[in-house]
C-alpha cells in the first residue's frame, strides 16, 4: 500500500497509483482517505462488491451442502427417467 501526503498529492497521481495498489492519503500524518482503483470494473461489480446483503447471501450459500458434478448429472438423469428412482411407470 502506498501513502501520500494530501499537501503533496494530485488527484490524477493518486488515481493512477490506485490502479496498481491502494493509496492511503494522509493529512498531518494521519490517514484520511483510501483510494482504490476500479478501472475495468462495471457498475454492477462495484455495487455488488460493496453490498453487505450480497456478501451475506454468498456466505449463507457457501455453508449449504453442495453437489459434485457427477452427483448433479446423476440427479438430472434421475429426474429425466423416473423409473431410475424406482417410481412406477405411468398408467
PDB file of N, CA and C in Angstrom:
ATOM      1  N   UNK A   1       0.832  -1.161   0.000  1.00  0.00           N
ATOM      2  CA  UNK A   1       0.000   0.000   0.000  1.00  0.00           C
ATOM      3  C   UNK A   1       0.888   1.239   0.000  1.00  0.00           C
ATOM      4  N   UNK A   2       0.494   2.180  -0.793  1.00  0.00           N
ATOM      5  CA  UNK A   2       1.269   3.410  -0.900  1.00  0.00           C
ATOM      6  C   UNK A   2       0.592   4.493  -0.057  1.00  0.00           C
ATOM      7  N   UNK A   3       1.395   5.364   0.542  1.00  0.00           N
ATOM      8  CA  UNK A   3       0.840   6.504   1.267  1.00  0.00           C
ATOM      9  C   UNK A   3       1.324   7.789   0.611  1.00  0.00           C
ATOM     10  N   UNK A   4       0.427   8.769   0.554  1.00  0.00           N
ATOM     11  CA  UNK A   4       0.785  10.079   0.006  1.00  0.00           C
ATOM     12  C   UNK A   4       0.232  11.149   0.931  1.00  0.00           C
ATOM     13  N   UNK A   5       0.973  12.232   1.058  1.00  0.00           N
ATOM     14  CA  UNK A   5       0.521  13.350   1.874  1.00  0.00           C
ATOM     15  C   UNK A   5      -0.415  14.214   1.044  1.00  0.00           C
ATOM     16  N   UNK A   6      -1.516  14.602   1.611  1.00  0.00           N
ATOM     17  CA  UNK A   6      -2.520  15.387   0.911  1.00  0.00           C
ATOM     18  C   UNK A   6      -1.944  16.670   0.320  1.00  0.00           C
ATOM     19  N   UNK A   7      -1.040  17.308   1.033  1.00  0.00           N
ATOM     20  CA  UNK A   7      -0.454  18.563   0.548  1.00  0.00           C
ATOM     21  C   UNK A   7       0.439  18.366  -0.675  1.00  0.00           C
ATOM     22  N   UNK A   8       0.929  17.147  -0.881  1.00  0.00           N
ATOM     23  CA  UNK A   8       1.882  16.911  -1.968  1.00  0.00           C
ATOM     24  C   UNK A   8       1.296  16.076  -3.107  1.00  0.00           C
ATOM     25  N   UNK A   9       0.068  15.623  -2.961  1.00  0.00           N
ATOM     26  CA  UNK A   9      -0.502  14.712  -3.955  1.00  0.00           C
ATOM     27  C   UNK A   9      -1.469  15.427  -4.884  1.00  0.00           C
ATOM     28  N   UNK A  10      -1.518  14.961  -6.110  1.00  0.00           N
ATOM     29  CA  UNK A  10      -2.550  15.431  -7.036  1.00  0.00           C
ATOM     30  C   UNK A  10      -3.558  14.291  -7.198  1.00  0.00           C
ATOM     31  N   UNK A  11      -4.790  14.664  -7.503  1.00  0.00           N
ATOM     32  CA  UNK A  11      -5.815  13.650  -7.705  1.00  0.00           C
ATOM     33  C   UNK A  11      -5.435  12.716  -8.843  1.00  0.00           C
ATOM     34  N   UNK A  12      -4.926  13.265  -9.927  1.00  0.00           N
ATOM     35  CA  UNK A  12      -4.528  12.456 -11.075  1.00  0.00           C
ATOM     36  C   UNK A  12      -3.463  11.435 -10.685  1.00  0.00           C
ATOM     37  N   UNK A  13      -2.484  11.864  -9.905  1.00  0.00           N
ATOM     38  CA  UNK A  13      -1.413  10.967  -9.457  1.00  0.00           C
ATOM     39  C   UNK A  13      -1.984   9.855  -8.576  1.00  0.00           C
ATOM     40  N   UNK A  14      -2.876  10.215  -7.657  1.00  0.00           N
ATOM     41  CA  UNK A  14      -3.470   9.210  -6.758  1.00  0.00           C
ATOM     42  C   UNK A  14      -4.298   8.186  -7.525  1.00  0.00           C
ATOM     43  N   UNK A  15      -5.081   8.658  -8.487  1.00  0.00           N
ATOM     44  CA  UNK A  15      -5.915   7.744  -9.278  1.00  0.00           C
ATOM     45  C   UNK A  15      -5.038   6.797 -10.091  1.00  0.00           C
ATOM     46  N   UNK A  16      -4.000   7.321 -10.687  1.00  0.00           N
ATOM     47  CA  UNK A  16      -3.088   6.472 -11.461  1.00  0.00           C
ATOM     48  C   UNK A  16      -2.428   5.417 -10.577  1.00  0.00           C
ATOM     49  N   UNK A  17      -1.939   5.834  -9.426  1.00  0.00           N
ATOM     50  CA  UNK A  17      -1.294   4.895  -8.491  1.00  0.00           C
ATOM     51  C   UNK A  17      -2.284   3.847  -7.984  1.00  0.00           C
ATOM     52  N   UNK A  18      -3.533   4.273  -7.761  1.00  0.00           N
ATOM     53  CA  UNK A  18      -4.547   3.380  -7.199  1.00  0.00           C
ATOM     54  C   UNK A  18      -4.904   2.232  -8.131  1.00  0.00           C
ATOM     55  N   UNK A  19      -4.605   2.350  -9.414  1.00  0.00           N
ATOM     56  CA  UNK A  19      -4.875   1.253 -10.343  1.00  0.00           C
ATOM     57  C   UNK A  19      -3.900   0.098 -10.121  1.00  0.00           C
ATOM     58  N   UNK A  20      -2.774   0.366  -9.482  1.00  0.00           N
ATOM     59  CA  UNK A  20      -1.763  -0.667  -9.208  1.00  0.00           C
ATOM     60  C   UNK A  20      -1.792  -1.147  -7.764  1.00  0.00           C
ATOM     61  N   UNK A  21      -2.066  -0.221  -6.834  1.00  0.00           N
ATOM     62  CA  UNK A  21      -2.118  -0.576  -5.415  1.00  0.00           C
ATOM     63  C   UNK A  21      -2.961   0.460  -4.684  1.00  0.00           C
ATOM     64  N   UNK A  22      -3.448   0.093  -3.528  1.00  0.00           N
ATOM     65  CA  UNK A  22      -4.257   1.025  -2.743  1.00  0.00           C
ATOM     66  C   UNK A  22      -3.405   2.200  -2.293  1.00  0.00           C
ATOM     67  N   UNK A  23      -4.052   3.350  -2.242  1.00  0.00           N
ATOM     68  CA  UNK A  23      -3.342   4.565  -1.859  1.00  0.00           C
ATOM     69  C   UNK A  23      -4.013   5.156  -0.620  1.00  0.00           C
ATOM     70  N   UNK A  24      -3.232   5.326   0.433  1.00  0.00           N
ATOM     71  CA  UNK A  24      -3.722   5.975   1.643  1.00  0.00           C
ATOM     72  C   UNK A  24      -3.301   7.436   1.592  1.00  0.00           C
ATOM     73  N   UNK A  25      -4.267   8.323   1.743  1.00  0.00           N
ATOM     74  CA  UNK A  25      -3.986   9.753   1.734  1.00  0.00           C
ATOM     75  C   UNK A  25      -3.886  10.215   3.189  1.00  0.00           C
ATOM     76  N   UNK A  26      -2.802  10.914   3.482  1.00  0.00           N
ATOM     77  CA  UNK A  26      -2.544  11.387   4.849  1.00  0.00           C
ATOM     78  C   UNK A  26      -2.717  12.898   4.935  1.00  0.00           C
ATOM     79  N   UNK A  27      -3.266  13.346   6.053  1.00  0.00           N
ATOM     80  CA  UNK A  27      -3.305  14.771   6.376  1.00  0.00           C
ATOM     81  C   UNK A  27      -2.677  14.898   7.761  1.00  0.00           C
ATOM     82  N   UNK A  28      -1.641  15.689   7.850  1.00  0.00           N
ATOM     83  CA  UNK A  28      -0.902  15.848   9.107  1.00  0.00           C
ATOM     84  C   UNK A  28      -0.432  14.494   9.657  1.00  0.00           C
ATOM     85  N   UNK A  29      -0.039  13.606   8.732  1.00  0.00           N
ATOM     86  CA  UNK A  29       0.493  12.305   9.126  1.00  0.00           C
ATOM     87  C   UNK A  29      -0.553  11.272   9.496  1.00  0.00           C
ATOM     88  N   UNK A  30      -1.844  11.625   9.410  1.00  0.00           N
ATOM     89  CA  UNK A  30      -2.910  10.683   9.754  1.00  0.00           C
ATOM     90  C   UNK A  30      -3.712  10.300   8.512  1.00  0.00           C
ATOM     91  N   UNK A  31      -4.127   9.050   8.426  1.00  0.00           N
ATOM     92  CA  UNK A  31      -4.922   8.624   7.264  1.00  0.00           C
ATOM     93  C   UNK A  31      -6.283   9.327   7.247  1.00  0.00           C
ATOM     94  N   UNK A  32      -6.656   9.840   6.076  1.00  0.00           N
ATOM     95  CA  UNK A  32      -7.962  10.490   5.927  1.00  0.00           C
ATOM     96  C   UNK A  32      -8.770   9.917   4.764  1.00  0.00           C
ATOM     97  N   UNK A  33      -8.127   9.182   3.881  1.00  0.00           N
ATOM     98  CA  UNK A  33      -8.840   8.592   2.748  1.00  0.00           C
ATOM     99  C   UNK A  33      -8.068   7.388   2.225  1.00  0.00           C
ATOM    100  N   UNK A  34      -8.829   6.488   1.634  1.00  0.00           N
ATOM    101  CA  UNK A  34      -8.252   5.325   0.971  1.00  0.00           C
ATOM    102  C   UNK A  34      -8.770   5.342  -0.462  1.00  0.00           C
ATOM    103  N   UNK A  35      -7.866   5.298  -1.410  1.00  0.00           N
ATOM    104  CA  UNK A  35      -8.254   5.299  -2.822  1.00  0.00           C
ATOM    105  C   UNK A  35      -7.961   3.923  -3.403  1.00  0.00           C
ATOM    106  N   UNK A  36      -8.989   3.336  -3.997  1.00  0.00           N
ATOM    107  CA  UNK A  36      -8.880   2.002  -4.587  1.00  0.00           C
ATOM    108  C   UNK A  36      -9.224   2.113  -6.062  1.00  0.00           C
ATOM    109  N   UNK A  37      -8.351   1.645  -6.917  1.00  0.00           N
ATOM    110  CA  UNK A  37      -8.601   1.684  -8.354  1.00  0.00           C
ATOM    111  C   UNK A  37      -9.683   0.699  -8.749  1.00  0.00           C
ATOM    112  N   UNK A  38     -10.546   1.135  -9.639  1.00  0.00           N
ATOM    113  CA  UNK A  38     -11.633   0.274 -10.106  1.00  0.00           C
ATOM    114  C   UNK A  38     -11.684   0.188 -11.627  1.00  0.00           C
ATOM    115  N   UNK A  39     -10.611   0.579 -12.262  1.00  0.00           N
ATOM    116  CA  UNK A  39     -10.561   0.530 -13.719  1.00  0.00           C
ATOM    117  C   UNK A  39     -10.835  -0.892 -14.193  1.00  0.00           C
ATOM    118  N   UNK A  40     -11.704  -1.031 -15.174  1.00  0.00           N
ATOM    119  CA  UNK A  40     -12.027  -2.350 -15.723  1.00  0.00           C
ATOM    120  C   UNK A  40     -13.240  -2.999 -15.085  1.00  0.00           C
ATOM    121  N   UNK A  41     -13.755  -2.434 -13.999  1.00  0.00           N
ATOM    122  CA  UNK A  41     -14.958  -2.981 -13.361  1.00  0.00           C
ATOM    123  C   UNK A  41     -16.169  -2.215 -13.865  1.00  0.00           C
ATOM    124  N   UNK A  42     -17.310  -2.910 -13.961  1.00  0.00           N
ATOM    125  CA  UNK A  42     -18.522  -2.199 -14.357  1.00  0.00           C
ATOM    126  C   UNK A  42     -19.323  -1.809 -13.121  1.00  0.00           C
ATOM    127  N   UNK A  43     -20.403  -1.061 -13.330  1.00  0.00           N
ATOM    128  CA  UNK A  43     -21.179  -0.531 -12.217  1.00  0.00           C
ATOM    129  C   UNK A  43     -21.753  -1.639 -11.331  1.00  0.00           C
ATOM    130  N   UNK A  44     -22.228  -2.712 -11.949  1.00  0.00           N
ATOM    131  CA  UNK A  44     -22.808  -3.815 -11.172  1.00  0.00           C
ATOM    132  C   UNK A  44     -21.754  -4.460 -10.270  1.00  0.00           C
ATOM    133  N   UNK A  45     -20.554  -4.666 -10.782  1.00  0.00           N
ATOM    134  CA  UNK A  45     -19.483  -5.243  -9.967  1.00  0.00           C
ATOM    135  C   UNK A  45     -19.171  -4.350  -8.769  1.00  0.00           C
ATOM    136  N   UNK A  46     -19.168  -3.051  -8.987  1.00  0.00           N
ATOM    137  CA  UNK A  46     -18.886  -2.120  -7.900  1.00  0.00           C
ATOM    138  C   UNK A  46     -19.995  -2.132  -6.862  1.00  0.00           C
ATOM    139  N   UNK A  47     -21.251  -2.184  -7.311  1.00  0.00           N
ATOM    140  CA  UNK A  47     -22.361  -2.209  -6.371  1.00  0.00           C
ATOM    141  C   UNK A  47     -22.379  -3.503  -5.561  1.00  0.00           C
ATOM    142  N   UNK A  48     -22.211  -4.634  -6.225  1.00  0.00           N
ATOM    143  CA  UNK A  48     -22.229  -5.917  -5.513  1.00  0.00           C
ATOM    144  C   UNK A  48     -21.037  -6.051  -4.569  1.00  0.00           C
ATOM    145  N   UNK A  49     -19.890  -5.576  -5.011  1.00  0.00           N
ATOM    146  CA  UNK A  49     -18.693  -5.684  -4.184  1.00  0.00           C
ATOM    147  C   UNK A  49     -18.792  -4.932  -2.875  1.00  0.00           C
ATOM    148  N   UNK A  50     -19.638  -3.924  -2.826  1.00  0.00           N
ATOM    149  CA  UNK A  50     -19.777  -3.150  -1.594  1.00  0.00           C
ATOM    150  C   UNK A  50     -21.127  -3.378  -0.919  1.00  0.00           C
ATOM    151  N   UNK A  51     -21.845  -4.408  -1.334  1.00  0.00           N
ATOM    152  CA  UNK A  51     -23.172  -4.688  -0.780  1.00  0.00           C
ATOM    153  C   UNK A  51     -23.093  -5.719   0.352  1.00  0.00           C
ATOM    154  N   UNK A  52     -23.459  -5.293   1.566  1.00  0.00           N
ATOM    155  CA  UNK A  52     -23.482  -6.229   2.696  1.00  0.00           C
ATOM    156  C   UNK A  52     -24.478  -7.358   2.453  1.00  0.00           C
ATOM    157  N   UNK A  53     -25.630  -7.036   1.866  1.00  0.00           N
ATOM    158  CA  UNK A  53     -26.653  -8.052   1.602  1.00  0.00           C
ATOM    159  C   UNK A  53     -26.119  -9.124   0.646  1.00  0.00           C
ATOM    160  N   UNK A  54     -25.424  -8.698  -0.409  1.00  0.00           N
ATOM    161  CA  UNK A  54     -24.858  -9.641  -1.372  1.00  0.00           C
ATOM    162  C   UNK A  54     -23.875 -10.587  -0.681  1.00  0.00           C
ATOM    163  N   UNK A  55     -22.958 -10.051   0.124  1.00  0.00           N
ATOM    164  CA  UNK A  55     -21.957 -10.891   0.775  1.00  0.00           C
ATOM    165  C   UNK A  55     -22.576 -11.790   1.840  1.00  0.00           C
ATOM    166  N   UNK A  56     -23.665 -11.353   2.472  1.00  0.00           N
ATOM    167  CA  UNK A  56     -24.387 -12.221   3.403  1.00  0.00           C
ATOM    168  C   UNK A  56     -24.961 -13.415   2.652  1.00  0.00           C
ATOM    169  N   UNK A  57     -25.562 -13.158   1.481  1.00  0.00           N
ATOM    170  CA  UNK A  57     -26.100 -14.255   0.664  1.00  0.00           C
ATOM    171  C   UNK A  57     -24.998 -15.205   0.211  1.00  0.00           C
ATOM    172  N   UNK A  58     -23.865 -14.673  -0.192  1.00  0.00           N
ATOM    173  CA  UNK A  58     -22.739 -15.509  -0.616  1.00  0.00           C
ATOM    174  C   UNK A  58     -22.287 -16.398   0.539  1.00  0.00           C
ATOM    175  N   UNK A  59     -22.122 -15.815   1.721  1.00  0.00           N
ATOM    176  CA  UNK A  59     -21.666 -16.595   2.883  1.00  0.00           C
ATOM    177  C   UNK A  59     -22.684 -17.656   3.283  1.00  0.00           C
ATOM    178  N   UNK A  60     -23.980 -17.333   3.209  1.00  0.00           N
ATOM    179  CA  UNK A  60     -25.005 -18.324   3.515  1.00  0.00           C
ATOM    180  C   UNK A  60     -24.940 -19.478   2.524  1.00  0.00           C
ATOM    181  N   UNK A  61     -24.796 -19.157   1.258  1.00  0.00           N
ATOM    182  CA  UNK A  61     -24.741 -20.200   0.230  1.00  0.00           C
ATOM    183  C   UNK A  61     -23.527 -21.094   0.399  1.00  0.00           C
ATOM    184  N   UNK A  62     -22.416 -20.517   0.789  1.00  0.00           N
ATOM    185  CA  UNK A  62     -21.196 -21.309   0.972  1.00  0.00           C
ATOM    186  C   UNK A  62     -21.332 -22.316   2.105  1.00  0.00           C
ATOM    187  N   UNK A  63     -22.247 -22.084   3.030  1.00  0.00           N
ATOM    188  CA  UNK A  63     -22.463 -23.004   4.147  1.00  0.00           C
ATOM    189  C   UNK A  63     -23.399 -24.146   3.788  1.00  0.00           C
ATOM    190  N   UNK A  64     -24.108 -24.028   2.668  1.00  0.00           N
ATOM    191  CA  UNK A  64     -25.050 -25.058   2.250  1.00  0.00           C
ATOM    192  C   UNK A  64     -24.330 -26.253   1.636  1.00  0.00           C
ATOM    193  N   UNK A  65     -25.029 -27.389   1.650  1.00  0.00           N
ATOM    194  CA  UNK A  65     -24.488 -28.608   1.049  1.00  0.00           C
ATOM    195  C   UNK A  65     -24.326 -28.397  -0.457  1.00  0.00           C
ATOM    196  N   UNK A  66     -23.260 -28.933  -0.994  1.00  0.00           N
ATOM    197  CA  UNK A  66     -23.014 -28.830  -2.425  1.00  0.00           C
ATOM    198  C   UNK A  66     -23.033 -30.214  -3.063  1.00  0.00           C
ATOM    199  N   UNK A  67     -23.150 -30.231  -4.368  1.00  0.00           N
ATOM    200  CA  UNK A  67     -23.105 -31.480  -5.127  1.00  0.00           C
ATOM    201  C   UNK A  67     -21.895 -31.456  -6.043  1.00  0.00           C
ATOM    202  N   UNK A  68     -21.308 -32.619  -6.227  1.00  0.00           N
ATOM    203  CA  UNK A  68     -20.254 -32.705  -7.248  1.00  0.00           C
ATOM    204  C   UNK A  68     -20.931 -32.720  -8.617  1.00  0.00           C
ATOM    205  N   UNK A  69     -20.158 -32.523  -9.638  1.00  0.00           N
ATOM    206  CA  UNK A  69     -20.731 -32.556 -10.993  1.00  0.00           C
ATOM    207  C   UNK A  69     -21.350 -33.923 -11.274  1.00  0.00           C
ATOM    208  N   UNK A  70     -20.670 -34.996 -10.864  1.00  0.00           N
ATOM    209  CA  UNK A  70     -21.187 -36.352 -11.095  1.00  0.00           C
ATOM    210  C   UNK A  70     -22.527 -36.544 -10.374  1.00  0.00           C
ATOM    211  N   UNK A  71     -22.626 -36.034  -9.135  1.00  0.00           N
ATOM    212  CA  UNK A  71     -23.886 -36.153  -8.390  1.00  0.00           C
ATOM    213  C   UNK A  71     -25.007 -35.357  -9.071  1.00  0.00           C
ATOM    214  N   UNK A  72     -24.673 -34.182  -9.558  1.00  0.00           N
ATOM    215  CA  UNK A  72     -25.663 -33.356 -10.242  1.00  0.00           C
ATOM    216  C   UNK A  72     -26.140 -34.038 -11.516  1.00  0.00           C
ATOM    217  N   UNK A  73     -25.205 -34.586 -12.299  1.00  0.00           N
ATOM    218  CA  UNK A  73     -25.585 -35.271 -13.529  1.00  0.00           C
ATOM    219  C   UNK A  73     -26.468 -36.480 -13.233  1.00  0.00           C
ATOM    220  N   UNK A  74     -26.156 -37.208 -12.164  1.00  0.00           N
ATOM    221  CA  UNK A  74     -26.972 -38.354 -11.779  1.00  0.00           C
ATOM    222  C   UNK A  74     -28.375 -37.900 -11.378  1.00  0.00           C
ATOM    223  N   UNK A  75     -28.462 -36.811 -10.660  1.00  0.00           N
ATOM    224  CA  UNK A  75     -29.763 -36.275 -10.249  1.00  0.00           C
ATOM    225  C   UNK A  75     -30.582 -35.846 -11.466  1.00  0.00           C
ATOM    226  N   UNK A  76     -29.931 -35.225 -12.432  1.00  0.00           N
ATOM    227  CA  UNK A  76     -30.631 -34.808 -13.654  1.00  0.00           C
ATOM    228  C   UNK A  76     -31.126 -36.030 -14.416  1.00  0.00           C
ATOM    229  N   UNK A  77     -30.272 -37.040 -14.536  1.00  0.00           N
ATOM    230  CA  UNK A  77     -30.692 -38.272 -15.230  1.00  0.00           C
ATOM    231  C   UNK A  77     -31.882 -38.901 -14.515  1.00  0.00           C
ATOM    232  N   UNK A  78     -31.871 -38.900 -13.189  1.00  0.00           N
ATOM    233  CA  UNK A  78     -32.976 -39.473 -12.423  1.00  0.00           C
ATOM    234  C   UNK A  78     -34.261 -38.686 -12.641  1.00  0.00           C
ATOM    235  N   UNK A  79     -34.142 -37.359 -12.731  1.00  0.00           N
ATOM    236  CA  UNK A  79     -35.323 -36.527 -12.971  1.00  0.00           C
ATOM    237  C   UNK A  79     -35.901 -36.784 -14.357  1.00  0.00           C
ATOM    238  N   UNK A  80     -35.037 -37.070 -15.317  1.00  0.00           N
ATOM    239  CA  UNK A  80     -35.494 -37.321 -16.684  1.00  0.00           C
ATOM    240  C   UNK A  80     -36.078 -38.722 -16.837  1.00  0.00           C
ATOM    241  N   UNK A  81     -35.672 -39.649 -15.979  1.00  0.00           N
ATOM    242  CA  UNK A  81     -36.110 -41.038 -16.055  1.00  0.00           C
ATOM    243  C   UNK A  81     -36.621 -41.464 -14.684  1.00  0.00           C
ATOM    244  N   UNK A  82     -37.909 -41.231 -14.376  1.00  0.00           N
ATOM    245  CA  UNK A  82     -38.441 -41.558 -13.044  1.00  0.00           C
ATOM    246  C   UNK A  82     -38.288 -43.033 -12.682  1.00  0.00           C
ATOM    247  N   UNK A  83     -38.242 -43.925 -13.663  1.00  0.00           N
ATOM    248  CA  UNK A  83     -38.092 -45.350 -13.365  1.00  0.00           C
ATOM    249  C   UNK A  83     -36.738 -45.636 -12.731  1.00  0.00           C
ATOM    250  N   UNK A  84     -35.745 -44.793 -13.008  1.00  0.00           N
ATOM    251  CA  UNK A  84     -34.416 -44.987 -12.430  1.00  0.00           C
ATOM    252  C   UNK A  84     -34.439 -44.769 -10.930  1.00  0.00           C
ATOM    253  N   UNK A  85     -35.459 -44.048 -10.427  1.00  0.00           N
ATOM    254  CA  UNK A  85     -35.571 -43.797  -8.988  1.00  0.00           C
ATOM    255  C   UNK A  85     -36.471 -44.828  -8.324  1.00  0.00           C
ATOM    256  N   UNK A  86     -36.986 -45.784  -9.095  1.00  0.00           N
ATOM    257  CA  UNK A  86     -37.859 -46.807  -8.520  1.00  0.00           C
ATOM    258  C   UNK A  86     -39.323 -46.425  -8.561  1.00  0.00           C
ATOM    259  N   UNK A  87     -39.667 -45.383  -9.288  1.00  0.00           N
ATOM    260  CA  UNK A  87     -41.071 -44.974  -9.403  1.00  0.00           C
ATOM    261  C   UNK A  87     -41.783 -45.907 -10.352  1.00  0.00           C
ATOM    262  N   UNK A  88     -43.070 -46.050 -10.144  1.00  0.00           N
ATOM    263  CA  UNK A  88     -43.843 -46.888 -11.037  1.00  0.00           C
ATOM    264  C   UNK A  88     -44.057 -46.181 -12.371  1.00  0.00           C
ATOM    265  N   UNK A  89     -44.129 -46.956 -13.449  1.00  0.00           N
ATOM    266  CA  UNK A  89     -44.365 -46.338 -14.740  1.00  0.00           C
ATOM    267  C   UNK A  89     -45.756 -45.713 -14.777  1.00  0.00           C
ATOM    268  N   UNK A  90     -45.920 -44.653 -15.551  1.00  0.00           N
ATOM    269  CA  UNK A  90     -47.232 -44.011 -15.631  1.00  0.00           C
ATOM    270  C   UNK A  90     -48.250 -44.956 -16.265  1.00  0.00           C
ATOM    271  N   UNK A  91     -49.486 -44.835 -15.826  1.00  0.00           N
ATOM    272  CA  UNK A  91     -50.531 -45.722 -16.360  1.00  0.00           C
ATOM    273  C   UNK A  91     -51.348 -45.031 -17.405  1.00  0.00           C
TER     274      UNK A  91
END
